[in-house]
Amino acid sequence: SLEIKNETKIFRQELRTFNYELENLVDEP
């Protein structure tokens, strides 16, 4: 864990921006 400490910090910041990518496929309720 210590050896990937910097990569983990960067990864955590990236995770804050990751959302599922989807388009709306529903036209009516």
PDB file of all heavy atoms in Angstrom:
ATOM      1  N   SER A   1       0.830  -1.208   0.000  1.00  0.00           N
ATOM      2  CA  SER A   1       0.000   0.000   0.000  1.00  0.00           C
ATOM      3  C   SER A   1       0.864   1.259   0.000  1.00  0.00           C
ATOM      4  O   SER A   1       0.510   2.267  -0.623  1.00  0.00           O
ATOM      5  CB  SER A   1      -0.924   0.001   1.221  1.00  0.00           C
ATOM      6  OG  SER A   1      -1.829  -1.079   1.162  1.00  0.00           O
ATOM      7  N   LEU A   2       1.995   1.197   0.709  1.00  0.00           N
ATOM      8  CA  LEU A   2       2.885   2.354   0.763  1.00  0.00           C
ATOM      9  C   LEU A   2       3.482   2.646  -0.610  1.00  0.00           C
ATOM     10  O   LEU A   2       3.619   3.822  -0.999  1.00  0.00           O
ATOM     11  CB  LEU A   2       4.004   2.098   1.775  1.00  0.00           C
ATOM     12  CG  LEU A   2       4.986   3.254   2.023  1.00  0.00           C
ATOM     13  CD1 LEU A   2       4.231   4.484   2.542  1.00  0.00           C
ATOM     14  CD2 LEU A   2       6.071   2.836   3.010  1.00  0.00           C
ATOM     15  N   GLU A   3       3.801   1.603  -1.362  1.00  0.00           N
ATOM     16  CA  GLU A   3       4.422   1.785  -2.679  1.00  0.00           C
ATOM     17  C   GLU A   3       3.472   2.403  -3.702  1.00  0.00           C
ATOM     18  O   GLU A   3       3.929   2.998  -4.686  1.00  0.00           O
ATOM     19  CB  GLU A   3       4.945   0.446  -3.192  1.00  0.00           C
ATOM     20  CG  GLU A   3       6.168  -0.056  -2.439  1.00  0.00           C
ATOM     21  CD  GLU A   3       6.555  -1.474  -2.811  1.00  0.00           C
ATOM     22  OE1 GLU A   3       5.667  -2.249  -3.244  1.00  0.00           O
ATOM     23  OE2 GLU A   3       7.744  -1.821  -2.653  1.00  0.00           O
ATOM     24  N   ILE A   4       2.166   2.252  -3.495  1.00  0.00           N
ATOM     25  CA  ILE A   4       1.201   2.846  -4.439  1.00  0.00           C
ATOM     26  C   ILE A   4       0.465   4.034  -3.809  1.00  0.00           C
ATOM     27  O   ILE A   4      -0.612   4.416  -4.260  1.00  0.00           O
ATOM     28  CB  ILE A   4       0.187   1.799  -4.945  1.00  0.00           C
ATOM     29  CG1 ILE A   4      -0.610   1.192  -3.768  1.00  0.00           C
ATOM     30  CG2 ILE A   4       0.878   0.729  -5.761  1.00  0.00           C
ATOM     31  CD1 ILE A   4      -1.808   0.373  -4.213  1.00  0.00           C
ATOM     32  N   LYS A   5       1.067   4.622  -2.787  1.00  0.00           N
ATOM     33  CA  LYS A   5       0.405   5.712  -2.063  1.00  0.00           C
ATOM     34  C   LYS A   5       0.070   6.882  -2.986  1.00  0.00           C
ATOM     35  O   LYS A   5      -1.057   7.403  -2.982  1.00  0.00           O
ATOM     36  CB  LYS A   5       1.303   6.185  -0.921  1.00  0.00           C
ATOM     37  CG  LYS A   5       0.676   7.265  -0.049  1.00  0.00           C
ATOM     38  CD  LYS A   5       1.591   7.618   1.122  1.00  0.00           C
ATOM     39  CE  LYS A   5       0.958   8.682   2.007  1.00  0.00           C
ATOM     40  NZ  LYS A   5       1.849   9.001   3.165  1.00  0.00           N
ATOM     41  N   ASN A   6       1.032   7.320  -3.815  1.00  0.00           N
ATOM     42  CA  ASN A   6       0.779   8.453  -4.703  1.00  0.00           C
ATOM     43  C   ASN A   6      -0.253   8.115  -5.761  1.00  0.00           C
ATOM     44  O   ASN A   6      -1.138   8.932  -6.072  1.00  0.00           O
ATOM     45  CB  ASN A   6       2.085   8.900  -5.361  1.00  0.00           C
ATOM     46  CG  ASN A   6       3.030   9.565  -4.372  1.00  0.00           C
ATOM     47  OD1 ASN A   6       2.594  10.125  -3.364  1.00  0.00           O
ATOM     48  ND2 ASN A   6       4.323   9.505  -4.649  1.00  0.00           N
ATOM     49  N   GLU A   7      -0.156   6.916  -6.338  1.00  0.00           N
ATOM     50  CA  GLU A   7      -1.132   6.488  -7.342  1.00  0.00           C
ATOM     51  C   GLU A   7      -2.538   6.421  -6.743  1.00  0.00           C
ATOM     52  O   GLU A   7      -3.525   6.773  -7.400  1.00  0.00           O
ATOM     53  CB  GLU A   7      -0.751   5.122  -7.916  1.00  0.00           C
ATOM     54  CG  GLU A   7       0.470   5.131  -8.812  1.00  0.00           C
ATOM     55  CD  GLU A   7       1.756   4.978  -8.033  1.00  0.00           C
ATOM     56  OE1 GLU A   7       1.724   5.104  -6.789  1.00  0.00           O
ATOM     57  OE2 GLU A   7       2.807   4.725  -8.673  1.00  0.00           O
ATOM     58  N   THR A   8      -2.620   6.004  -5.474  1.00  0.00           N
ATOM     59  CA  THR A   8      -3.919   5.912  -4.807  1.00  0.00           C
ATOM     60  C   THR A   8      -4.530   7.292  -4.601  1.00  0.00           C
ATOM     61  O   THR A   8      -5.740   7.487  -4.789  1.00  0.00           O
ATOM     62  CB  THR A   8      -3.771   5.193  -3.447  1.00  0.00           C
ATOM     63  OG1 THR A   8      -3.270   3.864  -3.673  1.00  0.00           O
ATOM     64  CG2 THR A   8      -5.107   5.111  -2.732  1.00  0.00           C
ATOM     65  N   LYS A   9      -3.712   8.263  -4.233  1.00  0.00           N
ATOM     66  CA  LYS A   9      -4.218   9.629  -4.049  1.00  0.00           C
ATOM     67  C   LYS A   9      -4.764  10.192  -5.362  1.00  0.00           C
ATOM     68  O   LYS A   9      -5.824  10.831  -5.388  1.00  0.00           O
ATOM     69  CB  LYS A   9      -3.110  10.528  -3.501  1.00  0.00           C
ATOM     70  CG  LYS A   9      -2.740  10.247  -2.053  1.00  0.00           C
ATOM     71  CD  LYS A   9      -1.634  11.192  -1.581  1.00  0.00           C
ATOM     72  CE  LYS A   9      -1.307  10.958  -0.118  1.00  0.00           C
ATOM     73  NZ  LYS A   9      -0.225  11.854   0.355  1.00  0.00           N
ATOM     74  N   ILE A  10      -4.043   9.953  -6.446  1.00  0.00           N
ATOM     75  CA  ILE A  10      -4.509  10.416  -7.756  1.00  0.00           C
ATOM     76  C   ILE A  10      -5.796   9.696  -8.145  1.00  0.00           C
ATOM     77  O   ILE A  10      -6.744  10.316  -8.644  1.00  0.00           O
ATOM     78  CB  ILE A  10      -3.417  10.185  -8.825  1.00  0.00           C
ATOM     79  CG1 ILE A  10      -2.194  11.059  -8.521  1.00  0.00           C
ATOM     80  CG2 ILE A  10      -3.955  10.468 -10.225  1.00  0.00           C
ATOM     81  CD1 ILE A  10      -0.975  10.725  -9.368  1.00  0.00           C
ATOM     82  N   PHE A  11      -5.827   8.394  -7.906  1.00  0.00           N
ATOM     83  CA  PHE A  11      -7.002   7.574  -8.215  1.00  0.00           C
ATOM     84  C   PHE A  11      -8.229   8.080  -7.468  1.00  0.00           C
ATOM     85  O   PHE A  11      -9.323   8.190  -8.044  1.00  0.00           O
ATOM     86  CB  PHE A  11      -6.690   6.127  -7.842  1.00  0.00           C
ATOM     87  CG  PHE A  11      -7.794   5.144  -8.116  1.00  0.00           C
ATOM     88  CD1 PHE A  11      -8.427   5.094  -9.344  1.00  0.00           C
ATOM     89  CD2 PHE A  11      -8.184   4.244  -7.131  1.00  0.00           C
ATOM     90  CE1 PHE A  11      -9.437   4.165  -9.590  1.00  0.00           C
ATOM     91  CE2 PHE A  11      -9.186   3.314  -7.368  1.00  0.00           C
ATOM     92  CZ  PHE A  11      -9.816   3.280  -8.602  1.00  0.00           C
ATOM     93  N   ARG A  12      -8.058   8.427  -6.205  1.00  0.00           N
ATOM     94  CA  ARG A  12      -9.189   8.913  -5.417  1.00  0.00           C
ATOM     95  C   ARG A  12      -9.745  10.213  -6.000  1.00  0.00           C
ATOM     96  O   ARG A  12     -10.972  10.402  -6.065  1.00  0.00           O
ATOM     97  CB  ARG A  12      -8.769   9.121  -3.957  1.00  0.00           C
ATOM     98  CG  ARG A  12      -9.934   9.559  -3.061  1.00  0.00           C
ATOM     99  CD  ARG A  12      -9.557   9.539  -1.592  1.00  0.00           C
ATOM    100  NE  ARG A  12     -10.671  10.001  -0.774  1.00  0.00           N
ATOM    101  CZ  ARG A  12     -11.688   9.249  -0.376  1.00  0.00           C
ATOM    102  NH1 ARG A  12     -11.741   7.970  -0.741  1.00  0.00           N
ATOM    103  NH2 ARG A  12     -12.664   9.746   0.369  1.00  0.00           N
ATOM    104  N   GLN A  13      -8.867  11.100  -6.425  1.00  0.00           N
ATOM    105  CA  GLN A  13      -9.333  12.337  -7.042  1.00  0.00           C
ATOM    106  C   GLN A  13     -10.080  12.053  -8.346  1.00  0.00           C
ATOM    107  O   GLN A  13     -11.103  12.685  -8.644  1.00  0.00           O
ATOM    108  CB  GLN A  13      -8.148  13.271  -7.309  1.00  0.00           C
ATOM    109  CG  GLN A  13      -7.516  13.858  -6.060  1.00  0.00           C
ATOM    110  CD  GLN A  13      -8.518  14.644  -5.211  1.00  0.00           C
ATOM    111  OE1 GLN A  13      -9.318  15.418  -5.726  1.00  0.00           O
ATOM    112  NE2 GLN A  13      -8.473  14.430  -3.902  1.00  0.00           N
ATOM    113  N   GLU A  14      -9.588  11.104  -9.120  1.00  0.00           N
ATOM    114  CA  GLU A  14     -10.260  10.740 -10.372  1.00  0.00           C
ATOM    115  C   GLU A  14     -11.634  10.129 -10.104  1.00  0.00           C
ATOM    116  O   GLU A  14     -12.595  10.401 -10.836  1.00  0.00           O
ATOM    117  CB  GLU A  14      -9.394   9.751 -11.161  1.00  0.00           C
ATOM    118  CG  GLU A  14      -8.108  10.361 -11.694  1.00  0.00           C
ATOM    119  CD  GLU A  14      -7.195   9.323 -12.325  1.00  0.00           C
ATOM    120  OE1 GLU A  14      -7.362   8.119 -12.034  1.00  0.00           O
ATOM    121  OE2 GLU A  14      -6.309   9.714 -13.094  1.00  0.00           O
ATOM    122  N   LEU A  15     -11.730   9.310  -9.069  1.00  0.00           N
ATOM    123  CA  LEU A  15     -13.005   8.663  -8.755  1.00  0.00           C
ATOM    124  C   LEU A  15     -14.107   9.677  -8.473  1.00  0.00           C
ATOM    125  O   LEU A  15     -15.280   9.413  -8.721  1.00  0.00           O
ATOM    126  CB  LEU A  15     -12.836   7.729  -7.545  1.00  0.00           C
ATOM    127  CG  LEU A  15     -12.112   6.409  -7.790  1.00  0.00           C
ATOM    128  CD1 LEU A  15     -11.841   5.699  -6.461  1.00  0.00           C
ATOM    129  CD2 LEU A  15     -12.921   5.501  -8.707  1.00  0.00           C
ATOM    130  N   ARG A  16     -13.745  10.833  -7.961  1.00  0.00           N
ATOM    131  CA  ARG A  16     -14.741  11.865  -7.675  1.00  0.00           C
ATOM    132  C   ARG A  16     -15.434  12.360  -8.946  1.00  0.00           C
ATOM    133  O   ARG A  16     -16.524  12.926  -8.886  1.00  0.00           O
ATOM    134  CB  ARG A  16     -14.094  13.049  -6.952  1.00  0.00           C
ATOM    135  CG  ARG A  16     -13.563  12.725  -5.565  1.00  0.00           C
ATOM    136  CD  ARG A  16     -12.910  13.952  -4.945  1.00  0.00           C
ATOM    137  NE  ARG A  16     -12.294  13.652  -3.666  1.00  0.00           N
ATOM    138  CZ  ARG A  16     -12.927  13.639  -2.490  1.00  0.00           C
ATOM    139  NH1 ARG A  16     -14.222  13.919  -2.470  1.00  0.00           N
ATOM    140  NH2 ARG A  16     -12.296  13.357  -1.368  1.00  0.00           N
ATOM    141  N   THR A  17     -14.792  12.170 -10.084  1.00  0.00           N
ATOM    142  CA  THR A  17     -15.326  12.692 -11.353  1.00  0.00           C
ATOM    143  C   THR A  17     -15.981  11.615 -12.199  1.00  0.00           C
ATOM    144  O   THR A  17     -16.556  11.923 -13.250  1.00  0.00           O
ATOM    145  CB  THR A  17     -14.202  13.341 -12.177  1.00  0.00           C
ATOM    146  OG1 THR A  17     -13.268  12.329 -12.597  1.00  0.00           O
ATOM    147  CG2 THR A  17     -13.459  14.381 -11.357  1.00  0.00           C
ATOM    148  N   PHE A  18     -15.896  10.365 -11.788  1.00  0.00           N
ATOM    149  CA  PHE A  18     -16.412   9.266 -12.611  1.00  0.00           C
ATOM    150  C   PHE A  18     -17.890   9.015 -12.328  1.00  0.00           C
ATOM    151  O   PHE A  18     -18.271   8.647 -11.214  1.00  0.00           O
ATOM    152  CB  PHE A  18     -15.636   7.967 -12.344  1.00  0.00           C
ATOM    153  CG  PHE A  18     -14.199   7.996 -12.797  1.00  0.00           C
ATOM    154  CD1 PHE A  18     -13.258   7.152 -12.219  1.00  0.00           C
ATOM    155  CD2 PHE A  18     -13.784   8.863 -13.787  1.00  0.00           C
ATOM    156  CE1 PHE A  18     -11.940   7.166 -12.633  1.00  0.00           C
ATOM    157  CE2 PHE A  18     -12.455   8.883 -14.206  1.00  0.00           C
ATOM    158  CZ  PHE A  18     -11.531   8.038 -13.633  1.00  0.00           C
ATOM    159  N   ASN A  19     -18.719   9.191 -13.340  1.00  0.00           N
ATOM    160  CA  ASN A  19     -20.127   8.814 -13.262  1.00  0.00           C
ATOM    161  C   ASN A  19     -20.420   7.787 -14.353  1.00  0.00           C
ATOM    162  O   ASN A  19     -19.678   7.686 -15.331  1.00  0.00           O
ATOM    163  CB  ASN A  19     -21.033  10.040 -13.461  1.00  0.00           C
ATOM    164  CG  ASN A  19     -20.901  11.044 -12.329  1.00  0.00           C
ATOM    165  OD1 ASN A  19     -20.948  10.684 -11.165  1.00  0.00           O
ATOM    166  ND2 ASN A  19     -20.710  12.309 -12.679  1.00  0.00           N
ATOM    167  N   TYR A  20     -21.482   7.035 -14.177  1.00  0.00           N
ATOM    168  CA  TYR A  20     -21.898   6.127 -15.245  1.00  0.00           C
ATOM    169  C   TYR A  20     -22.270   6.947 -16.474  1.00  0.00           C
ATOM    170  O   TYR A  20     -22.961   7.973 -16.357  1.00  0.00           O
ATOM    171  CB  TYR A  20     -23.093   5.279 -14.810  1.00  0.00           C
ATOM    172  CG  TYR A  20     -22.784   4.260 -13.739  1.00  0.00           C
ATOM    173  CD1 TYR A  20     -23.455   4.277 -12.522  1.00  0.00           C
ATOM    174  CD2 TYR A  20     -21.837   3.264 -13.948  1.00  0.00           C
ATOM    175  CE1 TYR A  20     -23.192   3.343 -11.539  1.00  0.00           C
ATOM    176  CE2 TYR A  20     -21.560   2.323 -12.966  1.00  0.00           C
ATOM    177  CZ  TYR A  20     -22.241   2.364 -11.762  1.00  0.00           C
ATOM    178  OH  TYR A  20     -21.971   1.432 -10.786  1.00  0.00           O
ATOM    179  N   GLU A  21     -21.826   6.511 -17.643  1.00  0.00           N
ATOM    180  CA  GLU A  21     -22.132   7.217 -18.883  1.00  0.00           C
ATOM    181  C   GLU A  21     -23.386   6.617 -19.502  1.00  0.00           C
ATOM    182  O   GLU A  21     -23.380   5.477 -19.951  1.00  0.00           O
ATOM    183  CB  GLU A  21     -20.955   7.110 -19.861  1.00  0.00           C
ATOM    184  CG  GLU A  21     -19.654   7.709 -19.357  1.00  0.00           C
ATOM    185  CD  GLU A  21     -19.721   9.223 -19.239  1.00  0.00           C
ATOM    186  OE1 GLU A  21     -20.522   9.829 -19.986  1.00  0.00           O
ATOM    187  OE2 GLU A  21     -18.983   9.794 -18.410  1.00  0.00           O
ATOM    188  N   LEU A  22     -24.475   7.381 -19.525  1.00  0.00           N
ATOM    189  CA  LEU A  22     -25.697   6.884 -20.147  1.00  0.00           C
ATOM    190  C   LEU A  22     -26.505   8.018 -20.726  1.00  0.00           C
ATOM    191  O   LEU A  22     -26.469   9.152 -20.238  1.00  0.00           O
ATOM    192  CB  LEU A  22     -26.543   6.093 -19.145  1.00  0.00           C
ATOM    193  CG  LEU A  22     -27.219   6.837 -17.999  1.00  0.00           C
ATOM    194  CD1 LEU A  22     -28.482   6.089 -17.591  1.00  0.00           C
ATOM    195  CD2 LEU A  22     -26.298   6.947 -16.798  1.00  0.00           C
ATOM    196  N   GLU A  23     -27.207   7.707 -21.803  1.00  0.00           N
ATOM    197  CA  GLU A  23     -28.140   8.639 -22.420  1.00  0.00           C
ATOM    198  C   GLU A  23     -29.546   8.264 -22.011  1.00  0.00           C
ATOM    199  O   GLU A  23     -29.840   7.095 -21.734  1.00  0.00           O
ATOM    200  CB  GLU A  23     -28.007   8.589 -23.945  1.00  0.00           C
ATOM    201  CG  GLU A  23     -26.652   9.038 -24.467  1.00  0.00           C
ATOM    202  CD  GLU A  23     -26.585   8.966 -25.987  1.00  0.00           C
ATOM    203  OE1 GLU A  23     -27.624   8.650 -26.609  1.00  0.00           O
ATOM    204  OE2 GLU A  23     -25.503   9.203 -26.534  1.00  0.00           O
ATOM    205  N   ASN A  24     -30.418   9.250 -21.994  1.00  0.00           N
ATOM    206  CA  ASN A  24     -31.808   8.979 -21.659  1.00  0.00           C
ATOM    207  C   ASN A  24     -32.472   8.199 -22.797  1.00  0.00           C
ATOM    208  O   ASN A  24     -32.500   8.659 -23.942  1.00  0.00           O
ATOM    209  CB  ASN A  24     -32.561  10.284 -21.412  1.00  0.00           C
ATOM    210  CG  ASN A  24     -33.982  10.030 -20.952  1.00  0.00           C
ATOM    211  OD1 ASN A  24     -34.203   9.177 -20.094  1.00  0.00           O
ATOM    212  ND2 ASN A  24     -34.938  10.744 -21.515  1.00  0.00           N
ATOM    213  N   LEU A  25     -32.995   7.016 -22.496  1.00  0.00           N
ATOM    214  CA  LEU A  25     -33.647   6.179 -23.498  1.00  0.00           C
ATOM    215  C   LEU A  25     -35.153   6.069 -23.236  1.00  0.00           C
ATOM    216  O   LEU A  25     -35.826   5.227 -23.829  1.00  0.00           O
ATOM    217  CB  LEU A  25     -33.014   4.780 -23.515  1.00  0.00           C
ATOM    218  CG  LEU A  25     -31.509   4.721 -23.828  1.00  0.00           C
ATOM    219  CD1 LEU A  25     -31.021   3.273 -23.811  1.00  0.00           C
ATOM    220  CD2 LEU A  25     -31.210   5.375 -25.180  1.00  0.00           C
ATOM    221  N   VAL A  26     -35.663   6.925 -22.351  1.00  0.00           N
ATOM    222  CA  VAL A  26     -37.083   6.877 -21.975  1.00  0.00           C
ATOM    223  C   VAL A  26     -37.744   8.196 -22.361  1.00  0.00           C
ATOM    224  O   VAL A  26     -37.342   9.265 -21.891  1.00  0.00           O
ATOM    225  CB  VAL A  26     -37.232   6.618 -20.463  1.00  0.00           C
ATOM    226  CG1 VAL A  26     -38.692   6.701 -20.049  1.00  0.00           C
ATOM    227  CG2 VAL A  26     -36.665   5.240 -20.106  1.00  0.00           C
ATOM    228  N   ASP A  27     -38.748   8.133 -23.241  1.00  0.00           N
ATOM    229  CA  ASP A  27     -39.436   9.331 -23.719  1.00  0.00           C
ATOM    230  C   ASP A  27     -40.648   9.706 -22.876  1.00  0.00           C
ATOM    231  O   ASP A  27     -41.036  10.869 -22.798  1.00  0.00           O
ATOM    232  CB  ASP A  27     -39.875   9.148 -25.177  1.00  0.00           C
ATOM    233  CG  ASP A  27     -38.686   9.013 -26.116  1.00  0.00           C
ATOM    234  OD1 ASP A  27     -37.653   9.655 -25.841  1.00  0.00           O
ATOM    235  OD2 ASP A  27     -38.784   8.255 -27.104  1.00  0.00           O
ATOM    236  N   GLU A  28     -41.277   8.727 -22.255  1.00  0.00           N
ATOM    237  CA  GLU A  28     -42.459   8.974 -21.441  1.00  0.00           C
ATOM    238  C   GLU A  28     -42.383   8.123 -20.188  1.00  0.00           C
ATOM    239  O   GLU A  28     -41.634   7.128 -20.145  1.00  0.00           O
ATOM    240  CB  GLU A  28     -43.728   8.652 -22.227  1.00  0.00           C
ATOM    241  CG  GLU A  28     -43.775   7.227 -22.764  1.00  0.00           C
ATOM    242  CD  GLU A  28     -44.987   7.006 -23.653  1.00  0.00           C
ATOM    243  OE1 GLU A  28     -45.380   7.930 -24.384  1.00  0.00           O
ATOM    244  OE2 GLU A  28     -45.527   5.881 -23.593  1.00  0.00           O
ATOM    245  N   PRO A  29     -43.114   8.484 -19.139  1.00  0.00           N
ATOM    246  CA  PRO A  29     -43.010   7.747 -17.877  1.00  0.00           C
ATOM    247  C   PRO A  29     -43.285   6.255 -18.031  1.00  0.00           C
ATOM    248  O   PRO A  29     -44.329   5.845 -18.557  1.00  0.00           O
ATOM    249  CB  PRO A  29     -44.071   8.410 -17.003  1.00  0.00           C
ATOM    250  CG  PRO A  29     -44.203   9.783 -17.560  1.00  0.00           C
ATOM    251  CD  PRO A  29     -44.024   9.640 -19.035  1.00  0.00           C
TER     252      PRO A  29
END
